[in-house]
Amino acid sequence: MKQRLAPALAAFALVTTFCLPAFASTDPPKFTEDGLELIDQSEWGLVYVEPGASLESYSQVKLVDTYVAFKKNWRRDQNRNSGEIRVTENDMERIKERLANEFKEVFTEVLTESGYPVVEDSGEDVLILRPAIINLDVTAPDTMRGAGSKTYAESAGEMTIYLEMYDSVTGDLLAKGMDRRADRDRGYMMWQSRVQNTAAAKQILKAWAEDIVKALDKAHGKS
């Protein structure tokens, strides 16, 4: 259980420390306690890499099951504004399970189609990805009990990824990063449903998966 919760706990620590308003003066440290170095230029919000580490030797990927956690007080805020349709713990567990499954499906598809098959076993050429989705904020959750009601919003919501990369043989932590992304704000109200929520989540997950492919391609000298 401790091993299962480790990435999530680390993620919450990073969020608390660094995900501050734009006016905050706190800067992330140059090095983490485990010796990883901050990368100044990255498409993600925060990335640390083991000095001298390279992804060149990795041609396959092993995915650890995704940990999912909602934004603090998300359920309370939803129930305060949702009228008669209340979000239950079962609703939250179902949404988390669905998102974890979507993560695995999308990452497996993108990585495999890009030449980096997702495998179950460890090996010298296998890179482990240990992901956590945190601060999940679904604007209009599908509670399965509001079939006759509609919720309108400008965006389906947002979420933050925290991802660790390990060597599958030695267990060395090679890199870890965090990035927040939101469904696009259309500037007008739109009916949000399970279909719209799923589509928005897949779009964000695909973008993150493509970022991993870019990192692997760069390490292998691909354009």
C-alpha atoms as a PDB file:
ATOM      1  CA  MET A   1       0.000   0.000   0.000  1.00  0.00           C
ATOM      2  CA  LYS A   2       2.810   2.435   0.847  1.00  0.00           C
ATOM      3  CA  GLN A   3       4.405   1.818  -2.549  1.00  0.00           C
ATOM      4  CA  ARG A   4       1.060   2.358  -4.266  1.00  0.00           C
ATOM      5  CA  LEU A   5       0.511   5.729  -2.604  1.00  0.00           C
ATOM      6  CA  ALA A   6       4.063   7.028  -2.946  1.00  0.00           C
ATOM      7  CA  PRO A   7       3.653   8.850  -6.277  1.00  0.00           C
ATOM      8  CA  ALA A   8       0.436  10.492  -5.177  1.00  0.00           C
ATOM      9  CA  LEU A   9       1.908  11.716  -1.901  1.00  0.00           C
ATOM     10  CA  ALA A  10       4.920  13.113  -3.706  1.00  0.00           C
ATOM     11  CA  ALA A  11       2.616  14.775  -6.202  1.00  0.00           C
ATOM     12  CA  PHE A  12       0.585  16.471  -3.501  1.00  0.00           C
ATOM     13  CA  ALA A  13       3.817  17.747  -1.949  1.00  0.00           C
ATOM     14  CA  LEU A  14       4.854  19.269  -5.267  1.00  0.00           C
ATOM     15  CA  VAL A  15       1.456  20.808  -5.854  1.00  0.00           C
ATOM     16  CA  THR A  16       1.413  22.363  -2.401  1.00  0.00           C
ATOM     17  CA  THR A  17       4.906  23.772  -2.805  1.00  0.00           C
ATOM     18  CA  PHE A  18       5.023  24.947  -6.403  1.00  0.00           C
ATOM     19  CA  CYS A  19       1.521  25.289  -7.869  1.00  0.00           C
ATOM     20  CA  LEU A  20       1.111  28.812  -6.540  1.00  0.00           C
ATOM     21  CA  PRO A  21      -0.570  31.859  -8.084  1.00  0.00           C
ATOM     22  CA  ALA A  22       1.426  33.730 -10.701  1.00  0.00           C
ATOM     23  CA  PHE A  23       2.360  36.449  -8.227  1.00  0.00           C
ATOM     24  CA  ALA A  24       4.061  34.020  -5.806  1.00  0.00           C
ATOM     25  CA  SER A  25       7.811  34.442  -5.416  1.00  0.00           C
ATOM     26  CA  THR A  26       8.640  30.843  -4.482  1.00  0.00           C
ATOM     27  CA  ASP A  27      10.811  29.101  -7.063  1.00  0.00           C
ATOM     28  CA  PRO A  28      11.294  25.335  -7.273  1.00  0.00           C
ATOM     29  CA  PRO A  29      14.672  24.084  -6.027  1.00  0.00           C
ATOM     30  CA  LYS A  30      17.401  23.334  -8.545  1.00  0.00           C
ATOM     31  CA  PHE A  31      17.757  19.789  -7.161  1.00  0.00           C
ATOM     32  CA  THR A  32      15.334  17.463  -5.399  1.00  0.00           C
ATOM     33  CA  GLU A  33      16.149  15.481  -2.272  1.00  0.00           C
ATOM     34  CA  ASP A  34      16.710  12.394  -4.451  1.00  0.00           C
ATOM     35  CA  GLY A  35      19.294  14.203  -6.602  1.00  0.00           C
ATOM     36  CA  LEU A  36      17.209  15.029  -9.678  1.00  0.00           C
ATOM     37  CA  GLU A  37      17.960  18.308 -11.464  1.00  0.00           C
ATOM     38  CA  LEU A  38      15.386  20.854 -12.602  1.00  0.00           C
ATOM     39  CA  ILE A  39      15.058  21.236 -16.381  1.00  0.00           C
ATOM     40  CA  ASP A  40      14.700  24.923 -17.245  1.00  0.00           C
ATOM     41  CA  GLN A  41      13.127  24.458 -20.671  1.00  0.00           C
ATOM     42  CA  SER A  42      10.268  21.981 -20.818  1.00  0.00           C
ATOM     43  CA  GLU A  43       6.775  21.831 -22.284  1.00  0.00           C
ATOM     44  CA  TRP A  44       5.585  20.643 -18.859  1.00  0.00           C
ATOM     45  CA  GLY A  45       5.147  22.865 -15.865  1.00  0.00           C
ATOM     46  CA  LEU A  46       7.837  21.126 -13.827  1.00  0.00           C
ATOM     47  CA  VAL A  47      10.391  18.461 -14.811  1.00  0.00           C
ATOM     48  CA  TYR A  48      13.330  16.982 -12.882  1.00  0.00           C
ATOM     49  CA  VAL A  49      15.877  14.597 -14.429  1.00  0.00           C
ATOM     50  CA  GLU A  50      18.692  12.500 -13.006  1.00  0.00           C
ATOM     51  CA  PRO A  51      21.961  14.167 -14.097  1.00  0.00           C
ATOM     52  CA  GLY A  52      23.477  12.216 -16.986  1.00  0.00           C
ATOM     53  CA  ALA A  53      20.407  10.018 -17.459  1.00  0.00           C
ATOM     54  CA  SER A  54      19.230   9.194 -20.970  1.00  0.00           C
ATOM     55  CA  LEU A  55      16.194   7.465 -22.475  1.00  0.00           C
ATOM     56  CA  GLU A  56      18.215   6.209 -25.431  1.00  0.00           C
ATOM     57  CA  SER A  57      18.320   2.587 -24.258  1.00  0.00           C
ATOM     58  CA  TYR A  58      14.560   2.296 -23.769  1.00  0.00           C
ATOM     59  CA  SER A  59      12.412   1.003 -26.607  1.00  0.00           C
ATOM     60  CA  GLN A  60       9.500  -0.413 -24.599  1.00  0.00           C
ATOM     61  CA  VAL A  61       7.314   0.942 -21.820  1.00  0.00           C
ATOM     62  CA  LYS A  62       5.686  -0.606 -18.769  1.00  0.00           C
ATOM     63  CA  LEU A  63       2.725   1.290 -17.305  1.00  0.00           C
ATOM     64  CA  VAL A  64       1.904   1.228 -13.611  1.00  0.00           C
ATOM     65  CA  ASP A  65      -1.802   1.609 -12.787  1.00  0.00           C
ATOM     66  CA  THR A  66      -2.774   5.267 -12.589  1.00  0.00           C
ATOM     67  CA  TYR A  67      -3.598   6.783  -9.209  1.00  0.00           C
ATOM     68  CA  VAL A  68      -6.410   9.365  -9.447  1.00  0.00           C
ATOM     69  CA  ALA A  69      -7.358  12.024  -6.882  1.00  0.00           C
ATOM     70  CA  PHE A  70      -9.944  14.801  -7.086  1.00  0.00           C
ATOM     71  CA  LYS A  71      -9.352  18.456  -6.365  1.00  0.00           C
ATOM     72  CA  LYS A  72      -9.658  19.275  -2.659  1.00  0.00           C
ATOM     73  CA  ASN A  73     -13.294  19.745  -1.591  1.00  0.00           C
ATOM     74  CA  TRP A  74     -14.478  18.893  -5.121  1.00  0.00           C
ATOM     75  CA  ARG A  75     -17.407  16.765  -3.954  1.00  0.00           C
ATOM     76  CA  ARG A  76     -18.503  19.356  -1.388  1.00  0.00           C
ATOM     77  CA  ASP A  77     -18.445  22.130  -3.974  1.00  0.00           C
ATOM     78  CA  GLN A  78     -20.301  20.012  -6.526  1.00  0.00           C
ATOM     79  CA  ASN A  79     -23.075  19.133  -4.096  1.00  0.00           C
ATOM     80  CA  ARG A  80     -23.366  22.733  -2.964  1.00  0.00           C
ATOM     81  CA  ASN A  81     -24.158  23.854  -6.514  1.00  0.00           C
ATOM     82  CA  SER A  82     -25.811  20.821  -8.095  1.00  0.00           C
ATOM     83  CA  GLY A  83     -29.336  21.036  -6.674  1.00  0.00           C
ATOM     84  CA  GLU A  84     -31.057  17.693  -6.223  1.00  0.00           C
ATOM     85  CA  ILE A  85     -28.420  15.541  -7.952  1.00  0.00           C
ATOM     86  CA  ARG A  86     -25.814  14.680  -5.314  1.00  0.00           C
ATOM     87  CA  VAL A  87     -22.340  13.303  -6.025  1.00  0.00           C
ATOM     88  CA  THR A  88     -21.662  10.185  -3.942  1.00  0.00           C
ATOM     89  CA  GLU A  89     -18.466   8.360  -3.031  1.00  0.00           C
ATOM     90  CA  ASN A  90     -19.491   5.658  -5.501  1.00  0.00           C
ATOM     91  CA  ASP A  91     -19.730   8.300  -8.237  1.00  0.00           C
ATOM     92  CA  MET A  92     -16.223   9.479  -7.429  1.00  0.00           C
ATOM     93  CA  GLU A  93     -14.802   5.961  -7.433  1.00  0.00           C
ATOM     94  CA  ARG A  94     -16.465   5.238 -10.760  1.00  0.00           C
ATOM     95  CA  ILE A  95     -15.055   8.430 -12.317  1.00  0.00           C
ATOM     96  CA  LYS A  96     -11.570   7.675 -10.982  1.00  0.00           C
ATOM     97  CA  GLU A  97     -11.669   4.120 -12.306  1.00  0.00           C
ATOM     98  CA  ARG A  98     -12.896   5.295 -15.690  1.00  0.00           C
ATOM     99  CA  LEU A  99     -10.138   7.917 -15.960  1.00  0.00           C
ATOM    100  CA  ALA A 100      -7.449   5.417 -14.922  1.00  0.00           C
ATOM    101  CA  ASN A 101      -8.673   3.056 -17.633  1.00  0.00           C
ATOM    102  CA  GLU A 102      -8.714   5.865 -20.192  1.00  0.00           C
ATOM    103  CA  PHE A 103      -5.142   6.751 -19.235  1.00  0.00           C
ATOM    104  CA  LYS A 104      -3.939   3.215 -19.862  1.00  0.00           C
ATOM    105  CA  GLU A 105      -5.872   2.932 -23.122  1.00  0.00           C
ATOM    106  CA  VAL A 106      -4.724   6.261 -24.551  1.00  0.00           C
ATOM    107  CA  PHE A 107      -1.068   5.920 -23.505  1.00  0.00           C
ATOM    108  CA  THR A 108      -0.917   2.336 -24.764  1.00  0.00           C
ATOM    109  CA  GLU A 109      -2.337   3.337 -28.136  1.00  0.00           C
ATOM    110  CA  VAL A 110      -0.143   6.413 -28.630  1.00  0.00           C
ATOM    111  CA  LEU A 111       3.087   4.776 -27.439  1.00  0.00           C
ATOM    112  CA  THR A 112       2.549   1.542 -29.388  1.00  0.00           C
ATOM    113  CA  GLU A 113       1.638   3.332 -32.618  1.00  0.00           C
ATOM    114  CA  SER A 114       4.776   5.464 -32.199  1.00  0.00           C
ATOM    115  CA  GLY A 115       7.038   2.409 -31.976  1.00  0.00           C
ATOM    116  CA  TYR A 116       7.267   2.030 -28.197  1.00  0.00           C
ATOM    117  CA  PRO A 117       5.113  -0.999 -27.292  1.00  0.00           C
ATOM    118  CA  VAL A 118       3.603  -1.227 -23.836  1.00  0.00           C
ATOM    119  CA  VAL A 119       4.654  -4.464 -22.135  1.00  0.00           C
ATOM    120  CA  GLU A 120       3.985  -6.265 -18.861  1.00  0.00           C
ATOM    121  CA  ASP A 121       7.497  -7.556 -18.106  1.00  0.00           C
ATOM    122  CA  SER A 122      10.663  -5.739 -17.079  1.00  0.00           C
ATOM    123  CA  GLY A 123      13.839  -5.694 -19.139  1.00  0.00           C
ATOM    124  CA  GLU A 124      16.953  -3.698 -19.959  1.00  0.00           C
ATOM    125  CA  ASP A 125      15.095  -1.773 -22.671  1.00  0.00           C
ATOM    126  CA  VAL A 126      11.907  -1.264 -20.641  1.00  0.00           C
ATOM    127  CA  LEU A 127      11.049   2.107 -19.132  1.00  0.00           C
ATOM    128  CA  ILE A 128       8.543   2.195 -16.269  1.00  0.00           C
ATOM    129  CA  LEU A 129       6.012   5.021 -16.181  1.00  0.00           C
ATOM    130  CA  ARG A 130       4.337   5.548 -12.800  1.00  0.00           C
ATOM    131  CA  PRO A 131       1.524   8.108 -13.244  1.00  0.00           C
ATOM    132  CA  ALA A 132      -0.854   9.924 -10.948  1.00  0.00           C
ATOM    133  CA  ILE A 133      -3.699  12.212 -11.965  1.00  0.00           C
ATOM    134  CA  ILE A 134      -4.294  14.784  -9.244  1.00  0.00           C
ATOM    135  CA  ASN A 135      -6.430  17.891  -8.727  1.00  0.00           C
ATOM    136  CA  LEU A 136      -9.074  16.362 -10.971  1.00  0.00           C
ATOM    137  CA  ASP A 137     -11.860  18.904 -11.424  1.00  0.00           C
ATOM    138  CA  VAL A 138     -14.823  17.665 -13.477  1.00  0.00           C
ATOM    139  CA  THR A 139     -17.185  20.552 -14.115  1.00  0.00           C
ATOM    140  CA  ALA A 140     -20.285  18.437 -14.783  1.00  0.00           C
ATOM    141  CA  PRO A 141     -19.855  14.866 -13.510  1.00  0.00           C
ATOM    142  CA  ASP A 142     -22.132  12.130 -14.804  1.00  0.00           C
ATOM    143  CA  THR A 143     -23.818  10.764 -11.691  1.00  0.00           C
ATOM    144  CA  MET A 144     -25.938   8.220 -13.618  1.00  0.00           C
ATOM    145  CA  ARG A 145     -28.999   9.611 -11.819  1.00  0.00           C
ATOM    146  CA  GLY A 146     -29.557  12.859 -13.671  1.00  0.00           C
ATOM    147  CA  ALA A 147     -30.753  11.502 -17.009  1.00  0.00           C
ATOM    148  CA  GLY A 148     -33.415  14.188 -17.261  1.00  0.00           C
ATOM    149  CA  SER A 149     -31.178  17.093 -16.286  1.00  0.00           C
ATOM    150  CA  LYS A 150     -28.507  18.998 -18.187  1.00  0.00           C
ATOM    151  CA  THR A 151     -25.493  20.938 -16.947  1.00  0.00           C
ATOM    152  CA  TYR A 152     -24.017  23.733 -19.036  1.00  0.00           C
ATOM    153  CA  ALA A 153     -20.448  25.000 -18.686  1.00  0.00           C
ATOM    154  CA  GLU A 154     -17.738  26.591 -20.814  1.00  0.00           C
ATOM    155  CA  SER A 155     -15.204  23.817 -20.077  1.00  0.00           C
ATOM    156  CA  ALA A 156     -15.323  20.156 -19.064  1.00  0.00           C
ATOM    157  CA  GLY A 157     -12.699  20.777 -16.366  1.00  0.00           C
ATOM    158  CA  GLU A 158      -9.011  20.263 -15.693  1.00  0.00           C
ATOM    159  CA  MET A 159      -6.468  17.870 -14.187  1.00  0.00           C
ATOM    160  CA  THR A 160      -2.781  17.641 -13.328  1.00  0.00           C
ATOM    161  CA  ILE A 161      -0.443  14.776 -14.143  1.00  0.00           C
ATOM    162  CA  TYR A 162       2.443  13.716 -11.928  1.00  0.00           C
ATOM    163  CA  LEU A 163       4.682  11.177 -13.662  1.00  0.00           C
ATOM    164  CA  GLU A 164       7.774   9.275 -12.557  1.00  0.00           C
ATOM    165  CA  MET A 165      10.113   7.348 -14.877  1.00  0.00           C
ATOM    166  CA  TYR A 166      12.097   4.356 -13.619  1.00  0.00           C
ATOM    167  CA  ASP A 167      14.568   1.885 -15.031  1.00  0.00           C
ATOM    168  CA  SER A 168      12.679  -1.414 -14.871  1.00  0.00           C
ATOM    169  CA  VAL A 169      15.756  -3.469 -13.953  1.00  0.00           C
ATOM    170  CA  THR A 170      17.611  -1.288 -11.446  1.00  0.00           C
ATOM    171  CA  GLY A 171      14.629   0.653 -10.144  1.00  0.00           C
ATOM    172  CA  ASP A 172      16.527   3.936 -10.536  1.00  0.00           C
ATOM    173  CA  LEU A 173      14.346   7.044 -10.649  1.00  0.00           C
ATOM    174  CA  LEU A 174      15.303   8.719 -13.931  1.00  0.00           C
ATOM    175  CA  ALA A 175      12.897  11.634 -14.067  1.00  0.00           C
ATOM    176  CA  LYS A 176       9.682  13.041 -12.693  1.00  0.00           C
ATOM    177  CA  GLY A 177       7.451  15.801 -13.884  1.00  0.00           C
ATOM    178  CA  MET A 178       4.178  17.558 -13.338  1.00  0.00           C
ATOM    179  CA  ASP A 179       1.878  19.394 -15.714  1.00  0.00           C
ATOM    180  CA  ARG A 180      -1.584  20.944 -15.430  1.00  0.00           C
ATOM    181  CA  ARG A 181      -3.946  21.078 -18.377  1.00  0.00           C
ATOM    182  CA  ALA A 182      -7.551  22.111 -18.819  1.00  0.00           C
ATOM    183  CA  ASP A 183     -10.243  21.527 -21.387  1.00  0.00           C
ATOM    184  CA  ARG A 184     -10.406  24.512 -23.700  1.00  0.00           C
ATOM    185  CA  ASP A 185     -12.602  27.398 -22.614  1.00  0.00           C
ATOM    186  CA  ARG A 186     -14.925  27.899 -25.577  1.00  0.00           C
ATOM    187  CA  GLY A 187     -16.207  31.281 -24.430  1.00  0.00           C
ATOM    188  CA  TYR A 188     -19.791  30.066 -24.493  1.00  0.00           C
ATOM    189  CA  MET A 189     -21.894  27.633 -22.484  1.00  0.00           C
ATOM    190  CA  MET A 190     -22.121  24.038 -23.717  1.00  0.00           C
ATOM    191  CA  TRP A 191     -23.994  21.019 -22.408  1.00  0.00           C
ATOM    192  CA  GLN A 192     -21.470  18.862 -20.555  1.00  0.00           C
ATOM    193  CA  SER A 193     -22.135  15.128 -20.385  1.00  0.00           C
ATOM    194  CA  ARG A 194     -20.195  11.890 -20.023  1.00  0.00           C
ATOM    195  CA  VAL A 195     -19.459  11.995 -23.762  1.00  0.00           C
ATOM    196  CA  GLN A 196     -18.011  15.519 -23.583  1.00  0.00           C
ATOM    197  CA  ASN A 197     -16.088  14.706 -20.380  1.00  0.00           C
ATOM    198  CA  THR A 198     -14.542  11.593 -21.931  1.00  0.00           C
ATOM    199  CA  ALA A 199     -13.600  13.410 -25.127  1.00  0.00           C
ATOM    200  CA  ALA A 200     -11.938  16.233 -23.189  1.00  0.00           C
ATOM    201  CA  ALA A 201     -10.020  13.796 -20.981  1.00  0.00           C
ATOM    202  CA  LYS A 202      -8.804  11.791 -23.972  1.00  0.00           C
ATOM    203  CA  GLN A 203      -7.573  14.932 -25.690  1.00  0.00           C
ATOM    204  CA  ILE A 204      -5.502  15.946 -22.681  1.00  0.00           C
ATOM    205  CA  LEU A 205      -4.191  12.410 -22.095  1.00  0.00           C
ATOM    206  CA  LYS A 206      -3.202  12.089 -25.749  1.00  0.00           C
ATOM    207  CA  ALA A 207      -1.225  15.334 -25.548  1.00  0.00           C
ATOM    208  CA  TRP A 208       0.670  14.058 -22.508  1.00  0.00           C
ATOM    209  CA  ALA A 209       1.350  10.703 -24.184  1.00  0.00           C
ATOM    210  CA  GLU A 210       2.667  12.487 -27.265  1.00  0.00           C
ATOM    211  CA  ASP A 211       5.025  14.469 -25.038  1.00  0.00           C
ATOM    212  CA  ILE A 212       6.496  11.180 -23.767  1.00  0.00           C
ATOM    213  CA  VAL A 213       6.903   9.992 -27.353  1.00  0.00           C
ATOM    214  CA  LYS A 214       8.713  13.244 -28.211  1.00  0.00           C
ATOM    215  CA  ALA A 215      11.129  12.692 -25.324  1.00  0.00           C
ATOM    216  CA  LEU A 216      11.821   9.101 -26.419  1.00  0.00           C
ATOM    217  CA  ASP A 217      12.186  10.126 -30.083  1.00  0.00           C
ATOM    218  CA  LYS A 218      14.643  12.853 -29.135  1.00  0.00           C
ATOM    219  CA  ALA A 219      16.701  10.395 -27.112  1.00  0.00           C
ATOM    220  CA  HIS A 220      16.782   8.018 -30.097  1.00  0.00           C
ATOM    221  CA  GLY A 221      17.771  10.785 -32.520  1.00  0.00           C
ATOM    222  CA  LYS A 222      14.466  10.788 -34.387  1.00  0.00           C
ATOM    223  CA  SER A 223      13.158  13.963 -35.929  1.00  0.00           C
END
